Amino acid sequence: MQLIMDSLFKKHRLFISQVNMDIVRDMINKVSWEKPLVSIRGSRGVGKTTMIRQYIRKTYGVTPGEALYCVMDSMYFTKNSLLDMAERFHLMGGKHLFLDEVHKYENWSKEIKELNDLYPDMKITFSGSSLIQILNADADLSRRVLTYDMAGLSFREFVRFYHGKDLPVWTLEQVLDNPDAVCDEVLKIVGSPQKLFEEYLRVGYYPFYDGNEMEYYSRIENVVQFIVDQEMTLFCGVDPAYTRKIKAMMMYLADNLPYEVNVSKLSSYLELNKQTVLAYLSSMNRAELISLLYSDNKSVTKMQRPDKVYIHNPNMLCALAKNVNIGTLRECFVVNQLGVNHEVEYGKTQGDFKIDGKWIFEVGGADKSFDQIADIPNSYVLADSMEFPIGKKLPLWIVGLIY
C-alpha cells in the first residue's frame, strides 16, 4: 500500500513546493474549503490549479499527510481507481483530498459521490472545466457540492498583482451611487489609471502574462484550441471532425464584433445548418469562448437566436482578431467584467447594455454623449480616457473594480 501511494506523495510534494505565491487571488479566502464537497470551475488558464496548490501550501505545508493533491489525468489513474486511492489515503489518516482537472477521469461524479458516502469525515475539493455539469453528471452532486466559478483577473486584480497597487473591491451599487469618491481613492492609490487600463485590455485578464506580449497571445490561442479540441468534444458532443468549423467561427466573430447575429449568414459562411450553428454558439458560450447577449434573459429559449455575440474577454479578442476595433474592445470589457456577478442583457433600444434589469449603460469614448439615453432612469455612460466622473458619465475602467 505504501509503495503504491509513494508516487502520489512524491508528485504532491513537487507540485506544492514549486507553486508560485506571487499572485494569490482574493477568491482563496472566499472558498469554504472546510465543507465536505467543494467544486471550483472555470475556463482553462484562469488560475484554478495555482489557487488550489497555494491553499494547500498555506494550510498544510509542502509535505503530504492530512492533505493529498492529485492531477486526474496522471498515469497513476490509468491503472488505479480513484476509489482505491482514496481508501488508502483515508486509512493512512488523510483528511483532505484535492482532485485537479477532475473531468479527465471518466467516472468522477459517481466515485466522488460514493467517497462522500463512505468517508463523510474526509473533505474533497475538486476542480474542472467551466463545462462540467454538477447537476447533470452521471451522479447528481448538486445537493451535496458547494460550487464556485472562477474568472480571470479583474482590472483591479491586474493593478494589484502586476503593479503593486492594492485597490479595494467596490460593489456596482457603490460605484454608481458615489463614483466621485471611488475615483478619488483610485487616483490617490494608483495615480493615473488610464495607462494601466489600456495595458489590461491587451494583457491583463489571464494570470500568466510575463512581459512578452506575443508569447502571451500564443498561450491564449493554445487555450482556445484546447477548449475546442478537448473540452467541447468531451462535454458538448461536438464531433471532432467539426472542431475546425468552431475555430473558424471564433476567427470570424473576432473580426466582425460586436456581431449582431445573422444565423443565415453565419451558417452559410460555415456551411452548417442553422440549428447546428445555434447549438455551437450555446456551447461556446458555456465554454467561455464567447458571451451571448439577449434582449430579455427571462424569455430565452434553448435554440433562440442571440441578439449579440462578444468574444469572452478583451485579451482573447486581441489574440484572435486581425484588427481590433477600440469600440468593440470597450464593450467586450464591460460585458466580461460585469458578467461575473451580474446579469447582462443587450440594451437593444435603450443603451448598449441593461444590467440586472435596472441599470442602463452606454459605452464609448471620452466624447460619448447622453443623447441616446437622456430620458431613461438609472442610465449611465461609461467613457474611455476619463479619470473623473462628470455626472452620470463615468470612467470606463470603473466597472473593473467590482471583483
Protein backbone atom coordinates (compact mmCIF):
# COMPACT_ATOMS: atom_id res chain seq x y z
CA MET A 1 0.00 0.00 0.00
CA GLN A 2 2.76 2.43 0.95
CA LEU A 3 4.67 1.81 -2.27
CA ILE A 4 1.54 2.46 -4.32
CA MET A 5 0.96 5.80 -2.55
CA ASP A 6 4.60 6.90 -2.62
CA SER A 7 4.44 8.06 -6.23
CA LEU A 8 1.41 10.25 -5.46
CA PHE A 9 3.09 11.68 -2.36
CA LYS A 10 6.23 12.48 -4.35
CA LYS A 11 4.23 14.31 -7.03
CA HIS A 12 2.25 16.16 -4.36
CA ARG A 13 5.47 17.42 -2.79
CA LEU A 14 6.83 18.57 -6.15
CA PHE A 15 3.64 20.36 -7.20
CA ILE A 16 3.09 22.13 -3.89
CA SER A 17 6.73 23.11 -3.29
CA GLN A 18 7.02 24.67 -6.74
CA VAL A 19 3.82 26.72 -6.72
CA ASN A 20 4.36 30.46 -7.21
CA MET A 21 2.95 32.53 -4.35
CA ASP A 22 3.32 35.92 -6.07
CA ILE A 23 -0.28 36.11 -7.30
CA VAL A 24 -2.71 34.88 -4.63
CA ARG A 25 -6.30 35.64 -5.67
CA ASP A 26 -8.82 37.05 -3.20
CA MET A 27 -11.03 34.11 -4.05
CA ILE A 28 -8.79 31.87 -1.92
CA ASN A 29 -10.37 33.47 1.17
CA LYS A 30 -13.92 33.21 -0.16
CA VAL A 31 -13.94 29.46 -0.78
CA SER A 32 -15.35 27.43 2.12
CA TRP A 33 -12.56 24.88 1.98
CA GLU A 34 -13.81 23.12 5.12
CA LYS A 35 -17.03 21.94 3.50
CA PRO A 36 -17.21 18.18 2.69
CA LEU A 37 -17.51 18.67 -1.09
CA VAL A 38 -16.27 21.79 -2.91
CA SER A 39 -16.14 22.31 -6.67
CA ILE A 40 -14.09 25.03 -8.38
CA ARG A 41 -14.98 25.51 -12.04
CA GLY A 42 -13.51 27.84 -14.60
CA SER A 43 -12.11 28.23 -18.07
CA ARG A 44 -8.65 26.90 -18.82
CA GLY A 45 -5.92 29.36 -17.84
CA VAL A 46 -7.75 31.45 -15.20
CA GLY A 47 -5.73 30.02 -12.29
CA LYS A 48 -7.75 27.23 -10.65
CA THR A 49 -4.79 24.88 -10.27
CA THR A 50 -2.50 27.56 -8.89
CA MET A 51 -5.05 28.67 -6.29
CA ILE A 52 -5.65 25.12 -5.06
CA ARG A 53 -1.92 24.44 -4.73
CA GLN A 54 -1.43 27.78 -2.94
CA TYR A 55 -4.17 26.92 -0.45
CA ILE A 56 -2.58 23.54 0.27
CA ARG A 57 0.83 25.14 0.81
CA LYS A 58 -0.59 27.81 3.14
CA THR A 59 -2.79 25.42 5.11
CA TYR A 60 -1.00 22.05 5.15
CA GLY A 61 2.55 22.84 4.08
CA VAL A 62 4.53 21.04 1.41
CA THR A 63 4.68 17.52 2.87
CA PRO A 64 1.67 15.26 2.15
CA GLY A 65 -0.11 13.81 5.15
CA GLU A 66 -3.51 15.17 6.03
CA ALA A 67 -3.79 16.60 2.50
CA LEU A 68 -3.14 14.99 -0.87
CA TYR A 69 -3.20 16.73 -4.24
CA CYS A 70 -3.77 14.64 -7.37
CA VAL A 71 -3.96 15.56 -11.05
CA MET A 72 -6.64 13.32 -12.51
CA ASP A 73 -5.06 12.76 -15.91
CA SER A 74 -1.97 11.31 -14.21
CA MET A 75 -0.69 7.96 -15.48
CA TYR A 76 -1.40 6.62 -11.99
CA PHE A 77 -5.15 6.63 -12.72
CA THR A 78 -4.78 4.54 -15.87
CA LYS A 79 -4.16 1.51 -13.61
CA ASN A 80 -5.67 2.58 -10.28
CA SER A 81 -9.15 3.80 -9.44
CA LEU A 82 -9.98 6.95 -7.52
CA LEU A 83 -11.96 4.82 -5.05
CA ASP A 84 -8.97 2.60 -4.24
CA MET A 85 -6.60 5.54 -3.92
CA ALA A 86 -8.97 7.44 -1.63
CA GLU A 87 -9.48 4.36 0.57
CA ARG A 88 -5.71 4.02 1.03
CA PHE A 89 -5.35 7.73 1.74
CA HIS A 90 -8.14 7.60 4.34
CA LEU A 91 -6.63 4.55 6.06
CA MET A 92 -3.33 6.45 6.32
CA GLY A 93 -5.04 9.28 8.17
CA GLY A 94 -5.84 11.53 5.19
CA LYS A 95 -8.27 14.36 5.88
CA HIS A 96 -8.49 16.44 2.69
CA LEU A 97 -8.31 15.16 -0.89
CA PHE A 98 -7.74 17.63 -3.75
CA LEU A 99 -8.62 16.39 -7.25
CA ASP A 100 -7.47 18.68 -10.06
CA GLU A 101 -8.91 18.52 -13.60
CA VAL A 102 -11.48 16.01 -12.35
CA HIS A 103 -13.31 15.89 -15.68
CA LYS A 104 -10.36 14.00 -17.16
CA TYR A 105 -11.29 10.98 -15.01
CA GLU A 106 -14.13 9.05 -16.64
CA ASN A 107 -16.38 8.20 -13.69
CA TRP A 108 -15.52 11.15 -11.48
CA SER A 109 -19.05 12.06 -10.38
CA LYS A 110 -20.11 8.54 -9.39
CA GLU A 111 -16.91 7.85 -7.48
CA ILE A 112 -16.89 11.20 -5.66
CA LYS A 113 -20.47 10.59 -4.57
CA GLU A 114 -19.52 7.12 -3.30
CA LEU A 115 -16.48 8.51 -1.47
CA ASN A 116 -18.66 11.11 0.21
CA ASP A 117 -20.95 8.31 1.42
CA LEU A 118 -18.11 6.04 2.55
CA TYR A 119 -15.90 8.66 4.23
CA PRO A 120 -18.05 11.59 5.39
CA ASP A 121 -15.18 12.80 7.59
CA MET A 122 -12.87 13.32 4.58
CA LYS A 123 -13.12 16.60 2.68
CA ILE A 124 -12.92 16.51 -1.12
CA THR A 125 -12.16 19.59 -3.21
CA PHE A 126 -12.17 19.19 -6.96
CA SER A 127 -11.61 21.47 -9.94
CA GLY A 128 -12.75 21.21 -13.52
CA SER A 129 -13.71 22.89 -16.74
CA SER A 130 -16.42 25.54 -16.79
CA LEU A 131 -18.36 22.97 -18.83
CA ILE A 132 -18.66 20.30 -16.13
CA GLN A 133 -22.25 19.84 -15.04
CA ILE A 134 -22.70 19.08 -11.35
CA LEU A 135 -26.45 18.66 -11.80
CA ASN A 136 -26.45 16.59 -14.99
CA ALA A 137 -23.44 14.39 -14.30
CA ASP A 138 -23.89 10.65 -14.05
CA ALA A 139 -24.36 11.01 -10.31
CA ASP A 140 -26.29 14.12 -9.26
CA LEU A 141 -23.99 16.00 -6.88
CA SER A 142 -25.92 19.27 -6.96
CA ARG A 143 -27.38 18.92 -3.45
CA ARG A 144 -24.04 17.97 -1.93
CA VAL A 145 -21.46 20.18 -3.62
CA LEU A 146 -20.67 23.81 -2.91
CA THR A 147 -19.67 25.20 -6.31
CA TYR A 148 -17.52 28.22 -7.13
CA ASP A 149 -16.95 29.67 -10.59
CA MET A 150 -13.56 31.28 -11.16
CA ALA A 151 -13.00 34.12 -13.62
CA GLY A 152 -9.76 35.64 -14.89
CA LEU A 153 -8.20 38.73 -13.35
CA SER A 154 -10.34 41.83 -12.99
CA PHE A 155 -8.79 45.20 -13.78
CA ARG A 156 -8.46 45.75 -10.02
CA GLU A 157 -6.59 42.46 -9.55
CA PHE A 158 -4.30 43.18 -12.51
CA VAL A 159 -3.30 46.52 -10.95
CA ARG A 160 -2.60 44.79 -7.67
CA PHE A 161 -0.58 41.84 -8.94
CA TYR A 162 1.35 43.45 -11.79
CA HIS A 163 1.79 46.97 -10.46
CA GLY A 164 1.70 46.54 -6.67
CA LYS A 165 -1.22 48.95 -6.12
CA ASP A 166 -3.84 47.49 -3.78
CA LEU A 167 -7.33 48.74 -4.59
CA PRO A 168 -10.41 47.73 -2.57
CA VAL A 169 -13.37 45.91 -4.07
CA TRP A 170 -16.43 48.06 -4.62
CA THR A 171 -19.91 46.80 -5.39
CA LEU A 172 -21.60 48.07 -8.53
CA GLU A 173 -24.11 49.88 -6.31
CA GLN A 174 -21.28 51.72 -4.51
CA VAL A 175 -19.66 52.65 -7.81
CA LEU A 176 -22.88 54.06 -9.23
CA ASP A 177 -24.01 55.80 -6.02
CA ASN A 178 -20.72 57.56 -5.32
CA PRO A 179 -18.38 57.45 -8.33
CA ASP A 180 -16.54 60.63 -7.26
CA ALA A 181 -15.34 59.02 -4.01
CA VAL A 182 -14.32 55.83 -5.85
CA CYS A 183 -12.34 57.73 -8.48
CA ASP A 184 -10.69 59.93 -5.83
CA GLU A 185 -9.43 56.86 -3.99
CA VAL A 186 -8.25 55.14 -7.18
CA LEU A 187 -6.28 58.21 -8.27
CA LYS A 188 -4.81 58.58 -4.78
CA ILE A 189 -3.55 54.96 -4.82
CA VAL A 190 -2.70 54.48 -8.49
CA GLY A 191 -2.11 57.92 -9.90
CA SER A 192 -3.38 57.90 -13.47
CA PRO A 193 -5.25 54.62 -14.15
CA GLN A 194 -5.72 55.11 -17.91
CA LYS A 195 -2.32 53.75 -18.96
CA LEU A 196 -2.79 50.70 -16.72
CA PHE A 197 -6.28 50.19 -18.12
CA GLU A 198 -5.01 50.20 -21.70
CA GLU A 199 -2.40 47.62 -20.67
CA TYR A 200 -5.09 45.49 -19.01
CA LEU A 201 -7.19 45.43 -22.17
CA ARG A 202 -4.22 43.91 -24.02
CA VAL A 203 -2.60 41.59 -21.47
CA GLY A 204 -4.37 41.71 -18.10
CA TYR A 205 -7.05 39.01 -17.95
CA TYR A 206 -5.05 35.79 -17.65
CA PRO A 207 -2.59 35.45 -14.74
CA PHE A 208 0.22 34.13 -16.95
CA TYR A 209 1.48 37.31 -18.62
CA ASP A 210 5.27 37.54 -18.16
CA GLY A 211 6.09 40.65 -20.19
CA ASN A 212 6.19 39.02 -23.63
CA GLU A 213 3.01 40.01 -25.45
CA MET A 214 3.45 37.67 -28.41
CA GLU A 215 4.04 34.64 -26.20
CA TYR A 216 1.02 35.65 -24.11
CA TYR A 217 -1.22 35.73 -27.19
CA SER A 218 0.20 32.41 -28.34
CA ARG A 219 -0.78 30.88 -24.99
CA ILE A 220 -4.29 32.31 -25.33
CA GLU A 221 -4.58 30.72 -28.77
CA ASN A 222 -3.49 27.43 -27.19
CA VAL A 223 -6.20 27.85 -24.54
CA VAL A 224 -8.81 28.32 -27.27
CA GLN A 225 -7.52 25.31 -29.22
CA PHE A 226 -7.59 23.10 -26.12
CA ILE A 227 -11.13 24.12 -25.17
CA VAL A 228 -12.41 23.44 -28.68
CA ASP A 229 -10.46 20.24 -29.37
CA GLN A 230 -10.68 18.61 -25.95
CA GLU A 231 -13.42 20.06 -23.79
CA MET A 232 -16.13 20.76 -26.34
CA THR A 233 -15.78 17.32 -27.86
CA LEU A 234 -15.96 15.77 -24.37
CA PHE A 235 -18.80 17.81 -22.85
CA CYS A 236 -20.79 19.26 -25.73
CA GLY A 237 -20.98 16.33 -28.11
CA VAL A 238 -19.07 18.16 -30.83
CA ASP A 239 -17.83 15.78 -33.50
CA PRO A 240 -14.01 16.11 -33.65
CA ALA A 241 -14.36 16.44 -37.41
CA TYR A 242 -16.18 19.76 -36.86
CA THR A 243 -13.80 21.44 -34.42
CA ARG A 244 -12.24 23.23 -37.38
CA LYS A 245 -15.64 24.85 -38.02
CA ILE A 246 -15.80 26.16 -34.45
CA LYS A 247 -12.32 27.64 -34.72
CA ALA A 248 -13.34 29.27 -37.99
CA MET A 249 -16.40 30.67 -36.22
CA MET A 250 -14.19 32.13 -33.47
CA MET A 251 -11.96 33.85 -36.01
CA TYR A 252 -14.97 35.13 -37.97
CA LEU A 253 -16.60 36.53 -34.82
CA ALA A 254 -13.34 38.14 -33.64
CA ASP A 255 -13.14 40.14 -36.86
CA ASN A 256 -16.85 41.03 -37.02
CA LEU A 257 -17.68 42.09 -33.47
CA PRO A 258 -19.86 43.24 -31.86
CA TYR A 259 -21.74 40.79 -34.00
CA GLU A 260 -25.49 41.27 -34.34
CA VAL A 261 -26.27 37.68 -35.07
CA ASN A 262 -27.36 36.77 -38.56
CA VAL A 263 -27.66 33.00 -38.28
CA SER A 264 -28.32 32.56 -42.00
CA LYS A 265 -25.14 34.43 -42.91
CA LEU A 266 -23.11 32.58 -40.30
CA SER A 267 -24.44 29.17 -41.35
CA SER A 268 -23.68 29.96 -44.98
CA TYR A 269 -20.12 31.04 -44.12
CA LEU A 270 -19.51 27.88 -42.08
CA GLU A 271 -21.50 25.57 -44.36
CA LEU A 272 -23.57 24.33 -41.41
CA ASN A 273 -27.31 24.28 -40.84
CA LYS A 274 -28.86 26.94 -38.59
CA GLN A 275 -29.67 24.57 -35.72
CA THR A 276 -26.06 23.38 -35.59
CA VAL A 277 -24.77 26.96 -35.59
CA LEU A 278 -27.08 27.88 -32.69
CA ALA A 279 -26.05 24.75 -30.78
CA TYR A 280 -22.37 25.55 -31.31
CA LEU A 281 -22.87 29.17 -30.19
CA SER A 282 -24.57 27.96 -27.00
CA SER A 283 -21.73 25.51 -26.28
CA MET A 284 -19.08 28.17 -26.97
CA ASN A 285 -20.85 30.44 -24.50
CA ARG A 286 -20.79 27.74 -21.80
CA ALA A 287 -17.11 27.11 -22.59
CA GLU A 288 -16.33 30.82 -22.01
CA LEU A 289 -15.09 31.36 -25.53
CA ILE A 290 -17.83 33.88 -26.28
CA SER A 291 -20.56 35.79 -24.45
CA LEU A 292 -24.08 35.63 -25.85
CA LEU A 293 -26.37 38.56 -25.12
CA TYR A 294 -30.17 38.56 -25.33
CA SER A 295 -32.57 41.47 -25.02
CA ASP A 296 -34.66 39.58 -22.44
CA ASN A 297 -32.91 36.83 -20.49
CA LYS A 298 -36.12 35.65 -18.80
CA SER A 299 -37.71 34.57 -22.07
CA VAL A 300 -34.67 32.93 -23.67
CA THR A 301 -35.38 29.52 -25.16
CA LYS A 302 -32.84 26.80 -25.84
CA MET A 303 -32.47 27.41 -29.58
CA GLN A 304 -33.22 31.14 -29.63
CA ARG A 305 -31.04 33.38 -31.73
CA PRO A 306 -28.91 35.65 -29.50
CA ASP A 307 -29.04 39.39 -30.19
CA LYS A 308 -25.30 39.98 -29.90
CA VAL A 309 -22.11 37.98 -29.57
CA TYR A 310 -18.82 39.04 -27.99
CA ILE A 311 -15.51 37.23 -27.63
CA HIS A 312 -15.30 36.25 -23.95
CA ASN A 313 -12.63 38.70 -22.78
CA PRO A 314 -10.59 41.59 -24.22
CA ASN A 315 -7.27 39.69 -24.24
CA MET A 316 -8.78 36.80 -26.19
CA LEU A 317 -10.16 39.34 -28.68
CA CYS A 318 -6.70 40.92 -29.06
CA ALA A 319 -5.15 37.49 -29.58
CA LEU A 320 -7.63 36.38 -32.27
CA ALA A 321 -8.62 39.49 -34.21
CA LYS A 322 -6.60 40.72 -37.16
CA ASN A 323 -7.50 44.30 -36.36
CA VAL A 324 -9.04 45.19 -33.01
CA ASN A 325 -11.74 47.84 -33.08
CA ILE A 326 -11.47 50.02 -29.95
CA GLY A 327 -15.26 50.30 -29.63
CA THR A 328 -15.59 46.52 -29.67
CA LEU A 329 -12.79 46.19 -27.12
CA ARG A 330 -14.54 48.58 -24.73
CA GLU A 331 -17.85 46.75 -24.95
CA CYS A 332 -16.12 43.37 -24.59
CA PHE A 333 -14.51 44.63 -21.37
CA VAL A 334 -17.83 45.78 -19.90
CA VAL A 335 -19.62 42.51 -20.72
CA ASN A 336 -16.74 40.46 -19.32
CA GLN A 337 -16.30 42.33 -16.04
CA LEU A 338 -19.99 42.83 -15.22
CA GLY A 339 -20.89 39.31 -16.29
CA VAL A 340 -19.01 37.80 -13.32
CA ASN A 341 -21.53 38.89 -10.68
CA HIS A 342 -24.35 40.48 -12.65
CA GLU A 343 -26.89 39.66 -15.35
CA VAL A 344 -26.03 41.44 -18.59
CA GLU A 345 -28.64 41.92 -21.30
CA TYR A 346 -28.46 43.57 -24.70
CA GLY A 347 -29.94 47.06 -24.41
CA LYS A 348 -31.46 46.98 -27.91
CA THR A 349 -33.46 50.24 -27.95
CA GLN A 350 -32.17 51.53 -24.59
CA GLY A 351 -28.40 51.89 -24.38
CA ASP A 352 -25.84 49.21 -25.10
CA PHE A 353 -26.46 47.05 -22.03
CA LYS A 354 -29.05 46.51 -19.32
CA ILE A 355 -27.62 45.24 -16.01
CA ASP A 356 -29.74 43.21 -13.55
CA GLY A 357 -32.81 44.53 -15.30
CA LYS A 358 -32.45 48.02 -13.82
CA TRP A 359 -29.31 49.90 -14.94
CA ILE A 360 -28.70 51.06 -18.50
CA PHE A 361 -25.14 51.56 -19.77
CA GLU A 362 -23.99 53.25 -22.96
CA VAL A 363 -20.31 52.64 -23.78
CA GLY A 364 -17.97 54.84 -25.82
CA GLY A 365 -15.03 57.21 -26.00
CA ALA A 366 -14.41 60.38 -23.98
CA ASP A 367 -16.70 62.40 -26.27
CA LYS A 368 -19.63 59.98 -25.85
CA SER A 369 -22.83 61.96 -25.19
CA PHE A 370 -26.04 61.19 -23.29
CA ASP A 371 -28.23 61.77 -26.33
CA GLN A 372 -29.27 58.12 -26.75
CA ILE A 373 -30.24 57.58 -23.09
CA ALA A 374 -31.00 61.13 -21.91
CA ASP A 375 -34.54 60.44 -20.66
CA ILE A 376 -34.02 56.93 -19.31
CA PRO A 377 -33.90 56.49 -15.49
CA ASN A 378 -30.84 54.77 -13.97
CA SER A 379 -28.83 55.29 -17.15
CA TYR A 380 -25.07 55.91 -17.32
CA VAL A 381 -22.36 56.47 -19.88
CA LEU A 382 -19.13 54.50 -19.47
CA ALA A 383 -16.50 56.54 -21.32
CA ASP A 384 -12.91 55.71 -22.17
CA SER A 385 -9.96 58.06 -21.46
CA MET A 386 -11.57 59.64 -18.39
CA GLU A 387 -10.27 59.84 -14.83
CA PHE A 388 -13.15 61.64 -13.08
CA PRO A 389 -16.92 61.24 -13.46
CA ILE A 390 -19.00 64.04 -14.91
CA GLY A 391 -22.47 63.49 -13.52
CA LYS A 392 -23.55 60.08 -14.74
CA LYS A 393 -20.73 59.87 -17.27
CA LEU A 394 -18.23 57.55 -15.61
CA PRO A 395 -14.72 56.34 -16.48
CA LEU A 396 -14.93 53.01 -18.33
CA TRP A 397 -12.35 51.32 -16.08
CA ILE A 398 -14.54 51.83 -13.00
CA VAL A 399 -16.53 48.63 -13.70
CA GLY A 400 -13.25 46.70 -13.44
CA LEU A 401 -13.18 47.28 -9.68
CA ILE A 402 -16.15 45.16 -8.63
CA TYR A 403 -14.45 41.79 -8.08
